Amino acid sequence: MAQETINQILDAAEDKARTGGYNAFSFREIAKDIGIKSASIHYHFPTKADLAAQLARRYTEKFHTHLLSISESGNDLHQQLSDYANLFYQALRTDQKMCLCGLFAAEMNVLPDDVKKETRLFFETNLQWLETLLNSHEIDNPKNEALKLLAKMEGAMLMAKAFESEDYFQEAIDLSQYK
């Protein structure tokens, strides 16, 4: 029962945070959304920073699981990068939301230290995975290419949201150089 409550809290917090960032959720709103008292949230997460750090950690872990699945697919480089881009695209298409850690990164100067740490871990995890993938395919300067690819994904999400059209995401993602 406790784990189910924790997951409900995290799900509700993620929904709000992926819409408006760190300041888009409060314990009171989450409690109302899932039908519990805010004291119950404090029981599991003493502070908002604790909740947000766990939220970013969980988001990173889920994303990492997807990355491992892509790696294990045995697909060629272009397809793996397309599958990677699709992780971001599905967030827009299915959830109609931004990348949680992308939103948190935009707010780094106001985030508590634990949330900053977990947010950075998301980007480090993605960069490491991309660099390893690119290096295994003998791409020149894989570290720099990884950085550009991740920036392209996050930026494409922003463009799609700014213009309220998923088409902008698709147009911004050009992976043809990896064929």
Protein backbone atom coordinates (compact mmCIF):
# COMPACT_ATOMS: atom_id res chain seq x y z
CA MET A 1 0.00 0.00 0.00
CA ALA A 2 2.79 2.44 0.87
CA GLN A 3 4.53 1.93 -2.48
CA GLU A 4 1.24 2.45 -4.30
CA THR A 5 0.75 5.75 -2.47
CA ILE A 6 4.32 6.82 -3.24
CA ASN A 7 3.76 6.06 -6.92
CA GLN A 8 0.49 8.02 -6.95
CA ILE A 9 2.25 10.98 -5.33
CA LEU A 10 5.12 10.81 -7.83
CA ASP A 11 2.74 10.42 -10.78
CA ALA A 12 0.70 13.45 -9.74
CA ALA A 13 3.82 15.53 -9.07
CA GLU A 14 5.34 14.52 -12.41
CA ASP A 15 2.19 15.46 -14.27
CA LYS A 16 2.26 18.95 -12.79
CA ALA A 17 6.03 19.42 -12.99
CA ARG A 18 6.20 18.39 -16.65
CA THR A 19 3.62 21.05 -17.38
CA GLY A 20 5.14 23.93 -15.46
CA GLY A 21 8.37 23.00 -13.71
CA TYR A 22 9.38 22.88 -10.07
CA ASN A 23 6.97 25.56 -8.90
CA ALA A 24 3.99 24.00 -10.67
CA PHE A 25 3.19 21.58 -7.86
CA SER A 26 2.50 21.73 -4.16
CA PHE A 27 1.79 19.08 -1.57
CA ARG A 28 -1.72 20.46 -1.11
CA GLU A 29 -2.55 20.19 -4.85
CA ILE A 30 -1.11 16.69 -5.10
CA ALA A 31 -3.02 15.56 -2.01
CA LYS A 32 -6.24 16.93 -3.48
CA ASP A 33 -5.58 15.26 -6.85
CA ILE A 34 -5.08 11.80 -5.38
CA GLY A 35 -7.47 12.05 -2.45
CA ILE A 36 -5.12 11.97 0.53
CA LYS A 37 -4.04 14.45 3.17
CA SER A 38 -0.93 16.52 2.54
CA ALA A 39 0.45 15.12 5.81
CA SER A 40 0.56 11.74 4.06
CA ILE A 41 2.82 13.22 1.40
CA HIS A 42 5.07 14.71 4.08
CA TYR A 43 5.31 11.26 5.64
CA HIS A 44 6.93 9.91 2.47
CA PHE A 45 8.64 13.11 1.33
CA PRO A 46 9.45 15.49 4.21
CA THR A 47 10.10 18.42 1.86
CA LYS A 48 9.24 19.48 -1.65
CA ALA A 49 12.94 19.15 -2.49
CA ASP A 50 12.85 15.50 -1.38
CA LEU A 51 9.85 14.88 -3.60
CA ALA A 52 11.34 16.67 -6.61
CA ALA A 53 14.69 14.90 -6.24
CA GLN A 54 12.95 11.52 -6.15
CA LEU A 55 10.84 12.58 -9.10
CA ALA A 56 13.93 13.44 -11.18
CA ARG A 57 15.65 10.21 -10.04
CA ARG A 58 12.66 8.10 -11.07
CA TYR A 59 12.40 9.92 -14.41
CA THR A 60 16.09 9.30 -15.09
CA GLU A 61 15.81 5.62 -14.13
CA LYS A 62 12.85 5.11 -16.47
CA PHE A 63 14.67 6.90 -19.27
CA HIS A 64 17.80 4.82 -18.65
CA THR A 65 15.73 1.63 -18.95
CA HIS A 66 14.57 2.81 -22.38
CA LEU A 67 18.16 3.59 -23.36
CA LEU A 68 19.27 0.10 -22.41
CA SER A 69 16.45 -1.36 -24.49
CA ILE A 70 17.55 0.70 -27.48
CA SER A 71 21.14 -0.45 -27.00
CA GLU A 72 20.10 -4.08 -26.84
CA SER A 73 17.96 -3.86 -29.97
CA GLY A 74 20.86 -4.57 -32.29
CA ASN A 75 19.60 -1.91 -34.70
CA ASP A 76 21.96 0.23 -36.75
CA LEU A 77 23.10 3.64 -35.53
CA HIS A 78 20.47 5.62 -37.42
CA GLN A 79 17.65 3.48 -36.06
CA GLN A 80 18.96 3.65 -32.50
CA LEU A 81 19.17 7.43 -32.71
CA SER A 82 15.69 7.54 -34.24
CA ASP A 83 14.42 5.42 -31.34
CA TYR A 84 16.18 7.81 -28.97
CA ALA A 85 14.52 10.83 -30.60
CA ASN A 86 11.21 9.00 -30.36
CA LEU A 87 11.50 8.93 -26.56
CA PHE A 88 11.32 12.71 -26.58
CA TYR A 89 8.73 12.84 -29.34
CA GLN A 90 6.41 10.47 -27.49
CA ALA A 91 6.54 12.75 -24.46
CA LEU A 92 5.12 15.49 -26.66
CA ARG A 93 2.74 13.34 -28.67
CA THR A 94 1.36 11.04 -26.01
CA ASP A 95 1.75 13.06 -22.83
CA GLN A 96 1.55 16.55 -24.36
CA LYS A 97 4.34 17.44 -21.94
CA MET A 98 7.97 18.47 -21.84
CA CYS A 99 10.91 16.45 -20.56
CA LEU A 100 10.83 16.75 -16.76
CA CYS A 101 14.57 17.23 -16.41
CA GLY A 102 14.62 19.67 -19.32
CA LEU A 103 12.16 21.85 -17.43
CA PHE A 104 14.11 21.46 -14.21
CA ALA A 105 17.35 22.36 -16.03
CA ALA A 106 15.77 25.63 -17.14
CA GLU A 107 15.21 26.39 -13.46
CA MET A 108 18.62 25.30 -12.13
CA ASN A 109 19.34 28.62 -10.46
CA VAL A 110 16.33 28.23 -8.14
CA LEU A 111 16.35 24.47 -7.52
CA PRO A 112 17.45 22.92 -4.22
CA ASP A 113 20.84 21.20 -4.42
CA ASP A 114 19.45 17.65 -4.33
CA VAL A 115 17.13 18.40 -7.23
CA LYS A 116 20.00 19.97 -9.19
CA LYS A 117 22.08 16.85 -8.61
CA GLU A 118 19.35 14.51 -9.85
CA THR A 119 18.60 16.75 -12.82
CA ARG A 120 22.27 16.75 -13.84
CA LEU A 121 22.29 12.98 -13.56
CA PHE A 122 19.61 12.78 -16.25
CA PHE A 123 21.79 14.76 -18.65
CA GLU A 124 24.95 12.89 -17.68
CA THR A 125 23.18 9.56 -18.24
CA ASN A 126 21.98 10.64 -21.68
CA LEU A 127 25.35 12.08 -22.70
CA GLN A 128 27.21 8.99 -21.54
CA TRP A 129 24.82 6.69 -23.41
CA LEU A 130 25.02 8.76 -26.59
CA GLU A 131 28.80 9.05 -26.42
CA THR A 132 29.17 5.29 -25.95
CA LEU A 133 26.81 4.61 -28.85
CA LEU A 134 28.54 7.07 -31.17
CA ASN A 135 32.00 5.87 -30.17
CA SER A 136 31.03 2.27 -30.90
CA HIS A 137 30.15 3.37 -34.44
CA GLU A 138 33.43 5.26 -34.81
CA ILE A 139 31.81 8.70 -35.08
CA ASP A 140 34.37 11.51 -34.89
CA ASN A 141 34.35 13.46 -31.63
CA PRO A 142 31.57 11.41 -29.99
CA LYS A 143 31.50 13.59 -26.88
CA ASN A 144 30.73 16.73 -28.90
CA GLU A 145 28.23 14.89 -31.12
CA ALA A 146 26.46 13.52 -28.03
CA LEU A 147 26.15 17.02 -26.63
CA LYS A 148 24.69 18.32 -29.91
CA LEU A 149 22.20 15.45 -30.13
CA LEU A 150 20.89 15.92 -26.62
CA ALA A 151 20.63 19.67 -27.13
CA LYS A 152 18.79 18.99 -30.39
CA MET A 153 16.22 16.79 -28.61
CA GLU A 154 15.54 19.24 -25.79
CA GLY A 155 15.50 22.19 -28.19
CA ALA A 156 13.15 20.42 -30.59
CA MET A 157 10.73 19.87 -27.72
CA LEU A 158 10.84 23.58 -26.91
CA MET A 159 10.20 24.54 -30.53
CA ALA A 160 7.25 22.17 -30.76
CA LYS A 161 5.76 23.63 -27.59
CA ALA A 162 6.46 27.23 -28.64
CA PHE A 163 4.68 26.74 -31.95
CA GLU A 164 2.10 24.32 -30.54
CA SER A 165 2.90 21.80 -33.23
CA GLU A 166 4.60 18.42 -33.08
CA ASP A 167 5.69 19.03 -36.66
CA TYR A 168 8.37 21.42 -35.40
CA PHE A 169 9.90 18.59 -33.41
CA GLN A 170 10.06 16.35 -36.47
CA GLU A 171 11.50 19.13 -38.61
CA ALA A 172 14.17 19.99 -36.05
CA ILE A 173 15.34 16.39 -35.75
CA ASP A 174 17.54 15.62 -38.71
CA LEU A 175 19.48 12.42 -38.19
CA SER A 176 20.35 11.86 -41.85
CA GLN A 177 24.07 12.29 -41.20
CA TYR A 178 23.98 9.07 -39.16
CA LYS A 179 22.74 6.85 -42.01
